[in-house]
Amino acid sequence: MIEFESLMAFILPVFLIAVLILWVWALVDIIKRRKQNSEPVGLWILIVLMFPIVGSILYFQLARRRMFGTKKGFSPDFKR
C-alpha cells in the first residue's frame, strides 16, 4: 500500500508546477494583450499576483472572454 507521505511527495510538486505554469501563462497573456483592449490591465495583474490560483482562473474565465470577445456559443448556419 502506498504511504500518504510518499504520495504527497509526488502530488505536491506536480500541483505546484501546474499552478506556476497557469500563473505565468495568465501574466504573459495579460501583458501581451494589454494594447488590444481597454480593460484595467493593472487590476488583473494585481489580482493574478495576489491570488495565483483563483486569480488566474478568474482571468481566463471572465476577463479574457470579455476583453477579446471569445464567446462560446451555438450558432448554426441554416442559410444553405
Protein backbone atom coordinates (compact mmCIF):
# COMPACT_ATOMS: atom_id res chain seq x y z
CA MET A 1 0.00 0.00 0.00
CA ILE A 2 1.25 3.47 -0.85
CA GLU A 3 2.03 5.62 2.14
CA PHE A 4 0.42 9.04 2.42
CA GLU A 5 3.76 10.83 2.77
CA SER A 6 5.21 9.31 -0.39
CA LEU A 7 2.02 10.10 -2.29
CA MET A 8 2.12 13.72 -1.13
CA ALA A 9 5.81 13.92 -2.05
CA PHE A 10 4.73 13.23 -5.63
CA ILE A 11 1.42 15.15 -5.82
CA LEU A 12 2.54 18.38 -4.18
CA PRO A 13 5.37 19.19 -6.64
CA VAL A 14 3.15 18.32 -9.62
CA PHE A 15 0.42 20.61 -8.25
CA LEU A 16 2.88 23.44 -7.61
CA ILE A 17 4.33 23.17 -11.11
CA ALA A 18 0.82 23.24 -12.61
CA VAL A 19 -0.07 26.33 -10.56
CA LEU A 20 3.17 28.02 -11.60
CA ILE A 21 2.50 27.31 -15.28
CA LEU A 22 -1.07 28.63 -15.02
CA TRP A 23 0.13 31.72 -13.14
CA VAL A 24 2.88 32.58 -15.64
CA TRP A 25 0.56 31.87 -18.58
CA ALA A 26 -2.05 34.29 -17.20
CA LEU A 27 0.51 37.03 -16.56
CA VAL A 28 2.09 36.68 -20.01
CA ASP A 29 -1.35 36.72 -21.64
CA ILE A 30 -2.39 39.86 -19.74
CA ILE A 31 0.83 41.70 -20.63
CA LYS A 32 0.82 40.52 -24.25
CA ARG A 33 -2.75 41.60 -24.89
CA ARG A 34 -2.80 44.86 -22.91
CA LYS A 35 -2.62 47.06 -26.02
CA GLN A 36 -5.62 45.39 -27.64
CA ASN A 37 -8.21 46.27 -25.01
CA SER A 38 -9.41 48.95 -22.64
CA GLU A 39 -9.76 46.72 -19.57
CA PRO A 40 -7.96 47.63 -16.35
CA VAL A 41 -4.84 45.58 -17.02
CA GLY A 42 -3.13 46.68 -13.80
CA LEU A 43 -6.04 45.40 -11.76
CA TRP A 44 -5.88 41.98 -13.41
CA ILE A 45 -2.13 41.78 -12.89
CA LEU A 46 -2.63 42.61 -9.21
CA ILE A 47 -5.39 40.02 -8.81
CA VAL A 48 -3.32 37.30 -10.51
CA LEU A 49 -0.22 38.16 -8.46
CA MET A 50 -2.06 38.21 -5.13
CA PHE A 51 -4.23 35.14 -5.74
CA PRO A 52 -2.33 32.91 -8.18
CA ILE A 53 -4.81 30.04 -8.47
CA VAL A 54 -8.13 31.84 -8.15
CA GLY A 55 -6.91 34.97 -9.95
CA SER A 56 -5.64 33.03 -12.94
CA ILE A 57 -8.82 31.01 -13.22
CA LEU A 58 -10.96 34.15 -12.92
CA TYR A 59 -8.89 35.90 -15.57
CA PHE A 60 -9.28 33.09 -18.09
CA GLN A 61 -12.97 32.57 -17.35
CA LEU A 62 -14.19 36.16 -17.03
CA ALA A 63 -11.86 38.86 -18.23
CA ARG A 64 -10.26 37.22 -21.21
CA ARG A 65 -13.60 36.24 -22.64
CA ARG A 66 -14.98 39.76 -22.18
CA MET A 67 -11.83 41.58 -23.30
CA PHE A 68 -11.25 39.67 -26.50
CA GLY A 69 -14.74 38.63 -27.49
CA THR A 70 -14.05 34.93 -27.32
CA LYS A 71 -17.64 34.00 -26.58
CA LYS A 72 -18.57 30.40 -26.97
CA GLY A 73 -21.96 29.73 -28.32
CA PHE A 74 -24.02 27.70 -30.69
CA SER A 75 -24.71 29.45 -33.97
CA PRO A 76 -25.73 27.08 -36.73
CA ASP A 77 -25.80 28.21 -40.33
CA PHE A 78 -29.25 27.38 -41.71
CA LYS A 79 -28.99 29.61 -44.78
CA ARG A 80 -27.78 26.97 -47.24
